[in-house]
Amino acid sequence: MAARSFLSAYVIVGVLNVIAEATGNTDAVQITKPLLMPVLLGFLIAVAWGFWVAPLRWLAAGLVFAWAGDLALLGEGDTWFMLGIAAFLIMQACYLVAFLAVKGPGLVRAWKITLIPYVLVWLAINAMVWSGAGDLRIPVLLYSAVAVAMAAAALDLVLRLPRALAWQVAGGAGLFVISDALIALTAFGPLAATNGTSAAVMATYIAAQGFIVTAFAIGTLRVLAPEAPAAQRPTKLAEDRSR
């Protein structure tokens, strides 16, 4: 019950935040954005309570850094922007470690050809922002490489988590790359900073975090702690239709 309540709250706050971004309501953005990750962390704590396997500890750490990044990006100026990106870089690394901590076979390792789209996306994004990034070209290369690696590691989960849940994690990670790409293309590339682009960034980010956290938490518990109550029932956003 608590997990579903947190998840419902996350959806409601997320919708309100996207509406606030789309309408340029900065006061509402300042209120809703800092609430997103704490509410999602509340969901994770509720489902993992008493069953804190290592991957979920790393996932929780990533959410904390995502929250720090959200707070930093509410600030004005280059310093706050860089602090926010640094926090999200650590978040991406935490998620990457969390995915790799689930042992077993992997789709990407079995079919290395699946890496090609990720490499092409990484090259395309950096090509589009290269001239505008200036002195930040190397940090952008590093950040985007870690983000794409995280997304590829999410896809690799398909053979070792319940399949539908693993695909939701992979889809969420892909949305995260899209959200980050929109930020990069707005800051350094051809996209103009508008209410519409801000809403698109937050919509993809909120969906990405929701799919990653819910599906990975339930899928990991089903594999590593099947006796956990949360592992024995689906959630609204993370239903394993393969069973």
C-alpha atoms as a PDB file:
ATOM      1  CA  MET A   1       0.000   0.000   0.000  1.00  0.00           C
ATOM      2  CA  ALA A   2       2.756   2.470   0.911  1.00  0.00           C
ATOM      3  CA  ALA A   3       4.649   1.741  -2.300  1.00  0.00           C
ATOM      4  CA  ARG A   4       1.549   2.376  -4.424  1.00  0.00           C
ATOM      5  CA  SER A   5       0.877   5.620  -2.542  1.00  0.00           C
ATOM      6  CA  PHE A   6       4.403   6.865  -3.222  1.00  0.00           C
ATOM      7  CA  LEU A   7       4.081   5.845  -6.860  1.00  0.00           C
ATOM      8  CA  SER A   8       0.768   7.663  -7.236  1.00  0.00           C
ATOM      9  CA  ALA A   9       2.280  10.747  -5.614  1.00  0.00           C
ATOM     10  CA  TYR A  10       5.222  10.576  -8.026  1.00  0.00           C
ATOM     11  CA  VAL A  11       2.900  10.504 -11.030  1.00  0.00           C
ATOM     12  CA  ILE A  12       0.849  13.425  -9.716  1.00  0.00           C
ATOM     13  CA  VAL A  13       3.886  15.569  -8.852  1.00  0.00           C
ATOM     14  CA  GLY A  14       5.469  14.665 -12.190  1.00  0.00           C
ATOM     15  CA  VAL A  15       2.410  15.747 -14.172  1.00  0.00           C
ATOM     16  CA  LEU A  16       2.215  18.994 -12.212  1.00  0.00           C
ATOM     17  CA  ASN A  17       5.896  19.657 -12.852  1.00  0.00           C
ATOM     18  CA  VAL A  18       5.595  19.118 -16.613  1.00  0.00           C
ATOM     19  CA  ILE A  19       2.565  21.415 -16.728  1.00  0.00           C
ATOM     20  CA  ALA A  20       4.502  24.029 -14.761  1.00  0.00           C
ATOM     21  CA  GLU A  21       7.439  23.789 -17.165  1.00  0.00           C
ATOM     22  CA  ALA A  22       5.176  24.007 -20.210  1.00  0.00           C
ATOM     23  CA  THR A  23       3.382  27.097 -18.900  1.00  0.00           C
ATOM     24  CA  GLY A  24       6.488  28.810 -17.542  1.00  0.00           C
ATOM     25  CA  ASN A  25       5.197  28.754 -13.961  1.00  0.00           C
ATOM     26  CA  THR A  26       8.550  29.035 -12.199  1.00  0.00           C
ATOM     27  CA  ASP A  27       7.044  29.051  -8.704  1.00  0.00           C
ATOM     28  CA  ALA A  28       5.344  25.710  -9.346  1.00  0.00           C
ATOM     29  CA  VAL A  29       8.562  24.322 -10.844  1.00  0.00           C
ATOM     30  CA  GLN A  30      10.466  25.351  -7.712  1.00  0.00           C
ATOM     31  CA  ILE A  31       7.921  23.492  -5.572  1.00  0.00           C
ATOM     32  CA  THR A  32       7.406  20.318  -7.610  1.00  0.00           C
ATOM     33  CA  LYS A  33      10.881  19.516  -8.925  1.00  0.00           C
ATOM     34  CA  PRO A  34      12.545  19.043  -5.500  1.00  0.00           C
ATOM     35  CA  LEU A  35       9.773  16.599  -4.521  1.00  0.00           C
ATOM     36  CA  LEU A  36      10.215  14.148  -7.386  1.00  0.00           C
ATOM     37  CA  MET A  37      13.215  12.089  -6.309  1.00  0.00           C
ATOM     38  CA  PRO A  38      12.367  11.984  -2.570  1.00  0.00           C
ATOM     39  CA  VAL A  39       8.923  10.568  -3.443  1.00  0.00           C
ATOM     40  CA  LEU A  40      10.458   7.995  -5.798  1.00  0.00           C
ATOM     41  CA  LEU A  41      13.016   7.119  -3.136  1.00  0.00           C
ATOM     42  CA  GLY A  42      10.092   6.621  -0.760  1.00  0.00           C
ATOM     43  CA  PHE A  43       8.695   4.059  -3.208  1.00  0.00           C
ATOM     44  CA  LEU A  44      12.039   2.257  -3.329  1.00  0.00           C
ATOM     45  CA  ILE A  45      12.363   2.191   0.457  1.00  0.00           C
ATOM     46  CA  ALA A  46       8.819   0.833   0.757  1.00  0.00           C
ATOM     47  CA  VAL A  47       9.385  -2.063  -1.653  1.00  0.00           C
ATOM     48  CA  ALA A  48      12.944  -2.906  -0.543  1.00  0.00           C
ATOM     49  CA  TRP A  49      12.385  -2.606   3.221  1.00  0.00           C
ATOM     50  CA  GLY A  50      14.193  -5.503   4.883  1.00  0.00           C
ATOM     51  CA  PHE A  51      15.593  -6.741   1.555  1.00  0.00           C
ATOM     52  CA  TRP A  52      18.315  -4.227   0.723  1.00  0.00           C
ATOM     53  CA  VAL A  53      20.268  -6.278  -1.800  1.00  0.00           C
ATOM     54  CA  ALA A  54      23.359  -4.561  -3.219  1.00  0.00           C
ATOM     55  CA  PRO A  55      21.866  -3.439  -6.569  1.00  0.00           C
ATOM     56  CA  LEU A  56      19.051  -1.624  -4.776  1.00  0.00           C
ATOM     57  CA  ARG A  57      21.489   0.138  -2.452  1.00  0.00           C
ATOM     58  CA  TRP A  58      23.288   1.478  -5.516  1.00  0.00           C
ATOM     59  CA  LEU A  59      19.951   2.463  -7.041  1.00  0.00           C
ATOM     60  CA  ALA A  60      19.056   4.387  -3.871  1.00  0.00           C
ATOM     61  CA  ALA A  61      22.420   6.164  -3.936  1.00  0.00           C
ATOM     62  CA  GLY A  62      21.749   7.152  -7.543  1.00  0.00           C
ATOM     63  CA  LEU A  63      18.393   8.645  -6.589  1.00  0.00           C
ATOM     64  CA  VAL A  64      20.044  10.747  -3.889  1.00  0.00           C
ATOM     65  CA  PHE A  65      22.482  12.190  -6.429  1.00  0.00           C
ATOM     66  CA  ALA A  66      19.642  12.714  -8.920  1.00  0.00           C
ATOM     67  CA  TRP A  67      17.862  14.755  -6.245  1.00  0.00           C
ATOM     68  CA  ALA A  68      21.047  16.778  -5.692  1.00  0.00           C
ATOM     69  CA  GLY A  69      21.238  17.354  -9.441  1.00  0.00           C
ATOM     70  CA  ASP A  70      17.623  18.503  -9.583  1.00  0.00           C
ATOM     71  CA  LEU A  71      18.255  21.010  -6.799  1.00  0.00           C
ATOM     72  CA  ALA A  72      21.442  22.307  -8.407  1.00  0.00           C
ATOM     73  CA  LEU A  73      19.780  22.797 -11.795  1.00  0.00           C
ATOM     74  CA  LEU A  74      17.184  25.025 -10.156  1.00  0.00           C
ATOM     75  CA  GLY A  75      19.992  27.506  -9.527  1.00  0.00           C
ATOM     76  CA  GLU A  76      21.113  30.217 -11.902  1.00  0.00           C
ATOM     77  CA  GLY A  77      24.451  30.380 -13.688  1.00  0.00           C
ATOM     78  CA  ASP A  78      27.203  28.124 -14.969  1.00  0.00           C
ATOM     79  CA  THR A  79      28.387  26.995 -11.526  1.00  0.00           C
ATOM     80  CA  TRP A  80      25.021  25.540 -10.573  1.00  0.00           C
ATOM     81  CA  PHE A  81      24.700  23.965 -14.015  1.00  0.00           C
ATOM     82  CA  MET A  82      28.074  22.232 -13.669  1.00  0.00           C
ATOM     83  CA  LEU A  83      27.262  21.055 -10.142  1.00  0.00           C
ATOM     84  CA  GLY A  84      24.007  19.618 -11.429  1.00  0.00           C
ATOM     85  CA  ILE A  85      25.713  17.797 -14.285  1.00  0.00           C
ATOM     86  CA  ALA A  86      28.366  16.444 -11.874  1.00  0.00           C
ATOM     87  CA  ALA A  87      25.622  15.086  -9.602  1.00  0.00           C
ATOM     88  CA  PHE A  88      23.898  13.419 -12.527  1.00  0.00           C
ATOM     89  CA  LEU A  89      27.189  11.943 -13.698  1.00  0.00           C
ATOM     90  CA  ILE A  90      27.535  10.250 -10.303  1.00  0.00           C
ATOM     91  CA  MET A  91      23.914   9.134 -10.545  1.00  0.00           C
ATOM     92  CA  GLN A  92      24.567   7.531 -13.932  1.00  0.00           C
ATOM     93  CA  ALA A  93      27.591   5.733 -12.483  1.00  0.00           C
ATOM     94  CA  CYS A  94      25.525   4.461  -9.532  1.00  0.00           C
ATOM     95  CA  TYR A  95      22.853   3.126 -11.880  1.00  0.00           C
ATOM     96  CA  LEU A  96      25.514   1.500 -14.032  1.00  0.00           C
ATOM     97  CA  VAL A  97      26.994  -0.288 -10.995  1.00  0.00           C
ATOM     98  CA  ALA A  98      23.486  -1.292  -9.859  1.00  0.00           C
ATOM     99  CA  PHE A  99      22.716  -2.925 -13.206  1.00  0.00           C
ATOM    100  CA  LEU A 100      26.062  -4.709 -13.345  1.00  0.00           C
ATOM    101  CA  ALA A 101      25.600  -5.957  -9.770  1.00  0.00           C
ATOM    102  CA  VAL A 102      22.811  -8.274 -10.941  1.00  0.00           C
ATOM    103  CA  LYS A 103      24.852 -11.294 -11.985  1.00  0.00           C
ATOM    104  CA  GLY A 104      24.009 -13.558 -14.894  1.00  0.00           C
ATOM    105  CA  PRO A 105      23.821 -13.560 -18.706  1.00  0.00           C
ATOM    106  CA  GLY A 106      23.252 -10.363 -20.658  1.00  0.00           C
ATOM    107  CA  LEU A 107      21.582  -9.483 -23.942  1.00  0.00           C
ATOM    108  CA  VAL A 108      24.276  -6.996 -24.969  1.00  0.00           C
ATOM    109  CA  ARG A 109      27.071  -9.430 -24.130  1.00  0.00           C
ATOM    110  CA  ALA A 110      25.319 -12.164 -26.091  1.00  0.00           C
ATOM    111  CA  TRP A 111      24.487  -9.907 -29.044  1.00  0.00           C
ATOM    112  CA  LYS A 112      27.178  -7.234 -29.250  1.00  0.00           C
ATOM    113  CA  ILE A 113      25.545  -5.849 -32.379  1.00  0.00           C
ATOM    114  CA  THR A 114      22.952  -4.266 -30.064  1.00  0.00           C
ATOM    115  CA  LEU A 115      25.632  -1.771 -29.011  1.00  0.00           C
ATOM    116  CA  ILE A 116      25.668  -0.166 -32.460  1.00  0.00           C
ATOM    117  CA  PRO A 117      22.594   2.094 -31.949  1.00  0.00           C
ATOM    118  CA  TYR A 118      24.009   3.325 -28.635  1.00  0.00           C
ATOM    119  CA  VAL A 119      27.369   4.178 -30.189  1.00  0.00           C
ATOM    120  CA  LEU A 120      25.647   5.952 -33.085  1.00  0.00           C
ATOM    121  CA  VAL A 121      23.504   7.997 -30.697  1.00  0.00           C
ATOM    122  CA  TRP A 122      26.593   8.960 -28.684  1.00  0.00           C
ATOM    123  CA  LEU A 123      28.439  10.045 -31.848  1.00  0.00           C
ATOM    124  CA  ALA A 124      25.437  11.975 -33.169  1.00  0.00           C
ATOM    125  CA  ILE A 125      24.861  13.907 -29.952  1.00  0.00           C
ATOM    126  CA  ASN A 126      28.502  14.888 -29.616  1.00  0.00           C
ATOM    127  CA  ALA A 127      28.711  15.877 -33.274  1.00  0.00           C
ATOM    128  CA  MET A 128      25.754  18.235 -32.845  1.00  0.00           C
ATOM    129  CA  VAL A 129      27.105  19.920 -29.695  1.00  0.00           C
ATOM    130  CA  TRP A 130      30.838  19.831 -30.450  1.00  0.00           C
ATOM    131  CA  SER A 131      31.185  23.349 -31.802  1.00  0.00           C
ATOM    132  CA  GLY A 132      28.984  24.900 -29.124  1.00  0.00           C
ATOM    133  CA  ALA A 133      30.472  23.048 -26.140  1.00  0.00           C
ATOM    134  CA  GLY A 134      33.819  24.867 -26.387  1.00  0.00           C
ATOM    135  CA  ASP A 135      35.971  24.147 -23.323  1.00  0.00           C
ATOM    136  CA  LEU A 136      33.352  21.688 -22.078  1.00  0.00           C
ATOM    137  CA  ARG A 137      33.811  19.272 -24.982  1.00  0.00           C
ATOM    138  CA  ILE A 138      35.724  16.693 -22.942  1.00  0.00           C
ATOM    139  CA  PRO A 139      33.292  16.770 -19.990  1.00  0.00           C
ATOM    140  CA  VAL A 140      30.399  16.405 -22.449  1.00  0.00           C
ATOM    141  CA  LEU A 141      32.142  13.431 -24.084  1.00  0.00           C
ATOM    142  CA  LEU A 142      32.694  11.832 -20.676  1.00  0.00           C
ATOM    143  CA  TYR A 143      29.187  12.443 -19.391  1.00  0.00           C
ATOM    144  CA  SER A 144      27.500  11.219 -22.561  1.00  0.00           C
ATOM    145  CA  ALA A 145      29.716   8.113 -22.626  1.00  0.00           C
ATOM    146  CA  VAL A 146      28.685   7.207 -19.070  1.00  0.00           C
ATOM    147  CA  ALA A 147      25.010   7.886 -19.857  1.00  0.00           C
ATOM    148  CA  VAL A 148      25.093   5.682 -22.953  1.00  0.00           C
ATOM    149  CA  ALA A 149      26.996   2.983 -21.053  1.00  0.00           C
ATOM    150  CA  MET A 150      24.280   3.061 -18.377  1.00  0.00           C
ATOM    151  CA  ALA A 151      21.609   2.649 -21.055  1.00  0.00           C
ATOM    152  CA  ALA A 152      23.485  -0.248 -22.645  1.00  0.00           C
ATOM    153  CA  ALA A 153      23.885  -1.905 -19.238  1.00  0.00           C
ATOM    154  CA  ALA A 154      20.129  -1.549 -18.750  1.00  0.00           C
ATOM    155  CA  LEU A 155      19.514  -3.370 -22.034  1.00  0.00           C
ATOM    156  CA  ASP A 156      21.936  -6.072 -20.899  1.00  0.00           C
ATOM    157  CA  LEU A 157      19.518  -6.886 -18.043  1.00  0.00           C
ATOM    158  CA  VAL A 158      17.026  -8.456 -20.451  1.00  0.00           C
ATOM    159  CA  LEU A 159      18.390 -11.982 -20.028  1.00  0.00           C
ATOM    160  CA  ARG A 160      18.660 -11.908 -16.237  1.00  0.00           C
ATOM    161  CA  LEU A 161      15.607 -10.047 -14.954  1.00  0.00           C
ATOM    162  CA  PRO A 162      11.974 -10.931 -15.723  1.00  0.00           C
ATOM    163  CA  ARG A 163      11.793  -9.938 -19.350  1.00  0.00           C
ATOM    164  CA  ALA A 164       9.004  -7.360 -19.355  1.00  0.00           C
ATOM    165  CA  LEU A 165      10.523  -5.598 -16.355  1.00  0.00           C
ATOM    166  CA  ALA A 166      13.994  -5.642 -17.914  1.00  0.00           C
ATOM    167  CA  TRP A 167      12.641  -4.058 -21.080  1.00  0.00           C
ATOM    168  CA  GLN A 168      11.018  -1.339 -18.969  1.00  0.00           C
ATOM    169  CA  VAL A 169      14.373  -0.601 -17.345  1.00  0.00           C
ATOM    170  CA  ALA A 170      16.002  -0.460 -20.778  1.00  0.00           C
ATOM    171  CA  GLY A 171      13.251   1.810 -22.088  1.00  0.00           C
ATOM    172  CA  GLY A 172      13.606   4.094 -19.084  1.00  0.00           C
ATOM    173  CA  ALA A 173      17.361   4.303 -19.571  1.00  0.00           C
ATOM    174  CA  GLY A 174      16.788   5.174 -23.221  1.00  0.00           C
ATOM    175  CA  LEU A 175      14.415   7.962 -22.194  1.00  0.00           C
ATOM    176  CA  PHE A 176      17.093   9.211 -19.820  1.00  0.00           C
ATOM    177  CA  VAL A 177      19.551   9.511 -22.699  1.00  0.00           C
ATOM    178  CA  ILE A 178      16.913  11.415 -24.684  1.00  0.00           C
ATOM    179  CA  SER A 179      16.335  13.792 -21.764  1.00  0.00           C
ATOM    180  CA  ASP A 180      20.060  14.429 -21.374  1.00  0.00           C
ATOM    181  CA  ALA A 181      20.427  14.882 -25.122  1.00  0.00           C
ATOM    182  CA  LEU A 182      17.714  17.552 -25.074  1.00  0.00           C
ATOM    183  CA  ILE A 183      19.587  19.375 -22.312  1.00  0.00           C
ATOM    184  CA  ALA A 184      22.861  19.208 -24.268  1.00  0.00           C
ATOM    185  CA  LEU A 185      21.236  20.292 -27.511  1.00  0.00           C
ATOM    186  CA  THR A 186      19.625  23.238 -25.727  1.00  0.00           C
ATOM    187  CA  ALA A 187      22.778  24.292 -23.864  1.00  0.00           C
ATOM    188  CA  PHE A 188      25.305  23.736 -26.654  1.00  0.00           C
ATOM    189  CA  GLY A 189      23.436  22.827 -29.817  1.00  0.00           C
ATOM    190  CA  PRO A 190      20.697  23.982 -32.170  1.00  0.00           C
ATOM    191  CA  LEU A 191      17.668  23.763 -29.848  1.00  0.00           C
ATOM    192  CA  ALA A 192      16.260  26.964 -28.391  1.00  0.00           C
ATOM    193  CA  ALA A 193      15.522  27.123 -24.678  1.00  0.00           C
ATOM    194  CA  THR A 194      11.731  27.367 -24.548  1.00  0.00           C
ATOM    195  CA  ASN A 195       8.969  26.258 -22.223  1.00  0.00           C
ATOM    196  CA  GLY A 196       8.334  23.421 -24.649  1.00  0.00           C
ATOM    197  CA  THR A 197      11.876  22.078 -24.537  1.00  0.00           C
ATOM    198  CA  SER A 198      11.926  22.379 -20.738  1.00  0.00           C
ATOM    199  CA  ALA A 199       8.682  20.402 -20.551  1.00  0.00           C
ATOM    200  CA  ALA A 200      10.078  17.760 -22.913  1.00  0.00           C
ATOM    201  CA  VAL A 201      13.236  17.435 -20.802  1.00  0.00           C
ATOM    202  CA  MET A 202      11.235  16.925 -17.623  1.00  0.00           C
ATOM    203  CA  ALA A 203       8.630  14.628 -19.187  1.00  0.00           C
ATOM    204  CA  THR A 204      11.291  12.248 -20.494  1.00  0.00           C
ATOM    205  CA  TYR A 205      13.297  12.514 -17.265  1.00  0.00           C
ATOM    206  CA  ILE A 206      10.312  11.807 -15.010  1.00  0.00           C
ATOM    207  CA  ALA A 207       9.195   8.863 -17.133  1.00  0.00           C
ATOM    208  CA  ALA A 208      12.763   7.548 -17.288  1.00  0.00           C
ATOM    209  CA  GLN A 209      13.260   7.603 -13.534  1.00  0.00           C
ATOM    210  CA  GLY A 210       9.843   6.089 -12.939  1.00  0.00           C
ATOM    211  CA  PHE A 211      10.371   3.159 -15.289  1.00  0.00           C
ATOM    212  CA  ILE A 212      13.948   2.513 -14.154  1.00  0.00           C
ATOM    213  CA  VAL A 213      13.275   2.583 -10.420  1.00  0.00           C
ATOM    214  CA  THR A 214       9.977   0.688 -10.370  1.00  0.00           C
ATOM    215  CA  ALA A 215      10.923  -2.027 -12.855  1.00  0.00           C
ATOM    216  CA  PHE A 216      14.464  -2.527 -11.588  1.00  0.00           C
ATOM    217  CA  ALA A 217      13.364  -2.674  -7.948  1.00  0.00           C
ATOM    218  CA  ILE A 218      10.639  -5.258  -8.543  1.00  0.00           C
ATOM    219  CA  GLY A 219      12.687  -7.247 -11.049  1.00  0.00           C
ATOM    220  CA  THR A 220      15.754  -7.380  -8.813  1.00  0.00           C
ATOM    221  CA  LEU A 221      13.710  -8.470  -5.798  1.00  0.00           C
ATOM    222  CA  ARG A 222      12.077 -11.237  -7.837  1.00  0.00           C
ATOM    223  CA  VAL A 223      15.505 -12.566  -8.785  1.00  0.00           C
ATOM    224  CA  LEU A 224      17.562 -11.919  -5.633  1.00  0.00           C
ATOM    225  CA  ALA A 225      14.914 -11.854  -2.885  1.00  0.00           C
ATOM    226  CA  PRO A 226      11.824 -13.717  -4.137  1.00  0.00           C
ATOM    227  CA  GLU A 227      10.552 -13.973  -0.558  1.00  0.00           C
ATOM    228  CA  ALA A 228      10.137 -10.172  -0.394  1.00  0.00           C
ATOM    229  CA  PRO A 229       6.454  -9.131  -0.406  1.00  0.00           C
ATOM    230  CA  ALA A 230       7.040  -6.629  -3.208  1.00  0.00           C
ATOM    231  CA  ALA A 231       8.564  -9.362  -5.375  1.00  0.00           C
ATOM    232  CA  GLN A 232       5.348 -11.345  -5.258  1.00  0.00           C
ATOM    233  CA  ARG A 233       3.028  -8.777  -6.774  1.00  0.00           C
ATOM    234  CA  PRO A 234       3.182  -6.309  -9.692  1.00  0.00           C
ATOM    235  CA  THR A 235       3.063  -2.535  -9.378  1.00  0.00           C
ATOM    236  CA  LYS A 236       1.107  -0.142 -11.532  1.00  0.00           C
ATOM    237  CA  LEU A 237       4.101   0.938 -13.617  1.00  0.00           C
ATOM    238  CA  ALA A 238       6.111  -2.244 -13.345  1.00  0.00           C
ATOM    239  CA  GLU A 239       3.982  -5.223 -14.253  1.00  0.00           C
ATOM    240  CA  ASP A 240       5.681  -8.345 -15.489  1.00  0.00           C
ATOM    241  CA  ARG A 241       3.356  -9.510 -18.224  1.00  0.00           C
ATOM    242  CA  SER A 242       5.541 -12.481 -18.981  1.00  0.00           C
ATOM    243  CA  ARG A 243       4.166 -14.377 -15.958  1.00  0.00           C
END
